[in-house]
Amino acid sequence: MEEVTLRRIAALLGYDPPEETLLEFLLAGAIDPNPHRASLIEDVQNCVFVHELA
């Protein structure tokens, strides 16, 4: 159901995304609501993550 809704919205906005990767296509084009916040992946890669707090 969600896939059909996303496809209709994409079509209304003029997008013609590939069939197999609609969600990834839409997420890649989405605006980041927290552009200045470091991601968890970046924290772990840079050893900022404290495992004991997880």
N, C-alpha and C. Protein backbone atom coordinates (compact mmCIF):
# COMPACT_ATOMS: atom_id res chain seq x y z
N MET A 1 0.82 -1.20 0.00
CA MET A 1 0.00 0.00 0.00
C MET A 1 0.87 1.26 0.00
N GLU A 2 1.89 1.31 0.86
CA GLU A 2 2.75 2.48 0.94
C GLU A 2 3.49 2.70 -0.38
N GLU A 3 3.89 1.59 -1.00
CA GLU A 3 4.62 1.67 -2.27
C GLU A 3 3.75 2.34 -3.34
N VAL A 4 2.48 1.99 -3.38
CA VAL A 4 1.56 2.58 -4.35
C VAL A 4 1.39 4.07 -4.08
N THR A 5 1.25 4.44 -2.83
CA THR A 5 1.10 5.84 -2.46
C THR A 5 2.33 6.63 -2.84
N LEU A 6 3.52 6.10 -2.54
CA LEU A 6 4.76 6.79 -2.89
C LEU A 6 4.89 6.95 -4.40
N ARG A 7 4.51 5.94 -5.15
CA ARG A 7 4.59 6.02 -6.61
C ARG A 7 3.64 7.09 -7.15
N ARG A 8 2.46 7.20 -6.58
CA ARG A 8 1.51 8.22 -7.03
C ARG A 8 2.03 9.63 -6.73
N ILE A 9 2.58 9.81 -5.54
CA ILE A 9 3.14 11.12 -5.18
C ILE A 9 4.32 11.46 -6.09
N ALA A 10 5.19 10.51 -6.33
CA ALA A 10 6.34 10.74 -7.22
C ALA A 10 5.87 11.12 -8.61
N ALA A 11 4.85 10.43 -9.12
CA ALA A 11 4.32 10.73 -10.45
C ALA A 11 3.71 12.13 -10.50
N LEU A 12 2.99 12.52 -9.45
CA LEU A 12 2.40 13.87 -9.41
C LEU A 12 3.46 14.95 -9.40
N LEU A 13 4.62 14.65 -8.80
CA LEU A 13 5.71 15.63 -8.73
C LEU A 13 6.61 15.57 -9.97
N GLY A 14 6.28 14.69 -10.90
CA GLY A 14 7.03 14.63 -12.14
C GLY A 14 8.22 13.71 -12.14
N TYR A 15 8.35 12.87 -11.12
CA TYR A 15 9.47 11.93 -11.05
C TYR A 15 9.10 10.62 -11.74
N ASP A 16 10.09 10.00 -12.32
CA ASP A 16 9.91 8.68 -12.92
C ASP A 16 11.00 7.77 -12.35
N PRO A 17 10.86 7.38 -11.08
CA PRO A 17 11.91 6.60 -10.42
C PRO A 17 11.98 5.17 -10.95
N PRO A 18 13.13 4.54 -10.81
CA PRO A 18 13.25 3.13 -11.20
C PRO A 18 12.29 2.27 -10.38
N GLU A 19 11.77 1.23 -10.97
CA GLU A 19 10.79 0.37 -10.32
C GLU A 19 11.29 -0.25 -9.02
N GLU A 20 12.52 -0.76 -9.03
CA GLU A 20 12.99 -1.56 -7.90
C GLU A 20 13.51 -0.75 -6.72
N THR A 21 13.76 0.54 -6.88
CA THR A 21 14.39 1.30 -5.80
C THR A 21 13.67 2.60 -5.49
N LEU A 22 12.36 2.59 -5.49
CA LEU A 22 11.60 3.81 -5.26
C LEU A 22 11.92 4.46 -3.93
N LEU A 23 11.91 3.70 -2.84
CA LEU A 23 12.15 4.28 -1.53
C LEU A 23 13.55 4.88 -1.44
N GLU A 24 14.56 4.17 -1.93
CA GLU A 24 15.92 4.69 -1.91
C GLU A 24 16.03 5.96 -2.76
N PHE A 25 15.34 5.98 -3.89
CA PHE A 25 15.33 7.14 -4.78
C PHE A 25 14.75 8.36 -4.07
N LEU A 26 13.63 8.18 -3.39
CA LEU A 26 12.98 9.29 -2.70
C LEU A 26 13.80 9.75 -1.49
N LEU A 27 14.37 8.81 -0.75
CA LEU A 27 15.18 9.19 0.42
C LEU A 27 16.43 9.95 0.01
N ALA A 28 17.03 9.57 -1.11
CA ALA A 28 18.25 10.24 -1.58
C ALA A 28 17.96 11.69 -1.92
N GLY A 29 16.75 11.99 -2.36
CA GLY A 29 16.39 13.35 -2.72
C GLY A 29 15.77 14.16 -1.59
N ALA A 30 15.61 13.54 -0.45
CA ALA A 30 14.96 14.23 0.67
C ALA A 30 15.90 15.23 1.34
N ILE A 31 15.33 16.25 1.91
CA ILE A 31 16.09 17.25 2.64
C ILE A 31 16.37 16.73 4.04
N ASP A 32 17.62 16.85 4.47
CA ASP A 32 18.01 16.41 5.81
C ASP A 32 17.49 17.42 6.83
N PRO A 33 16.63 17.00 7.77
CA PRO A 33 16.10 17.95 8.76
C PRO A 33 17.13 18.39 9.80
N ASN A 34 18.24 17.66 9.90
CA ASN A 34 19.29 17.99 10.86
C ASN A 34 20.66 18.00 10.18
N PRO A 35 20.89 18.94 9.27
CA PRO A 35 22.12 18.89 8.48
C PRO A 35 23.40 19.09 9.30
N HIS A 36 23.31 19.69 10.46
CA HIS A 36 24.51 19.97 11.25
C HIS A 36 24.76 18.93 12.34
N ARG A 37 23.87 17.97 12.47
CA ARG A 37 24.00 16.93 13.50
C ARG A 37 24.80 15.76 12.94
N ALA A 38 25.82 15.33 13.68
CA ALA A 38 26.62 14.18 13.26
C ALA A 38 25.78 12.91 13.35
N SER A 39 25.99 12.02 12.43
CA SER A 39 25.23 10.78 12.45
C SER A 39 25.90 9.76 13.37
N LEU A 40 25.14 8.78 13.77
CA LEU A 40 25.68 7.72 14.62
C LEU A 40 26.80 6.98 13.90
N ILE A 41 26.63 6.75 12.61
CA ILE A 41 27.67 6.06 11.84
C ILE A 41 28.96 6.85 11.86
N GLU A 42 28.89 8.17 11.69
CA GLU A 42 30.09 9.01 11.74
C GLU A 42 30.73 8.97 13.13
N ASP A 43 29.90 9.00 14.18
CA ASP A 43 30.44 8.93 15.54
C ASP A 43 31.18 7.62 15.77
N VAL A 44 30.61 6.52 15.33
CA VAL A 44 31.25 5.22 15.51
C VAL A 44 32.54 5.14 14.71
N GLN A 45 32.52 5.64 13.48
CA GLN A 45 33.72 5.63 12.64
C GLN A 45 34.83 6.48 13.24
N ASN A 46 34.46 7.55 13.94
CA ASN A 46 35.46 8.46 14.52
C ASN A 46 35.71 8.17 15.99
N CYS A 47 35.25 7.04 16.49
CA CYS A 47 35.46 6.60 17.88
C CYS A 47 34.90 7.55 18.91
N VAL A 48 33.83 8.27 18.58
CA VAL A 48 33.18 9.16 19.54
C VAL A 48 32.12 8.41 20.32
N PHE A 49 31.65 7.33 19.77
CA PHE A 49 30.58 6.53 20.35
C PHE A 49 31.06 5.84 21.64
N VAL A 50 30.31 5.94 22.72
CA VAL A 50 30.64 5.30 23.98
C VAL A 50 29.80 4.05 24.10
N HIS A 51 30.43 2.90 23.95
CA HIS A 51 29.71 1.62 23.91
C HIS A 51 28.95 1.35 25.21
N GLU A 52 29.48 1.77 26.33
CA GLU A 52 28.83 1.51 27.62
C GLU A 52 27.49 2.22 27.75
N LEU A 53 27.30 3.29 27.00
CA LEU A 53 26.05 4.04 27.09
C LEU A 53 24.97 3.47 26.18
N ALA A 54 25.32 2.55 25.33
CA ALA A 54 24.35 1.99 24.37
C ALA A 54 23.42 1.00 25.04
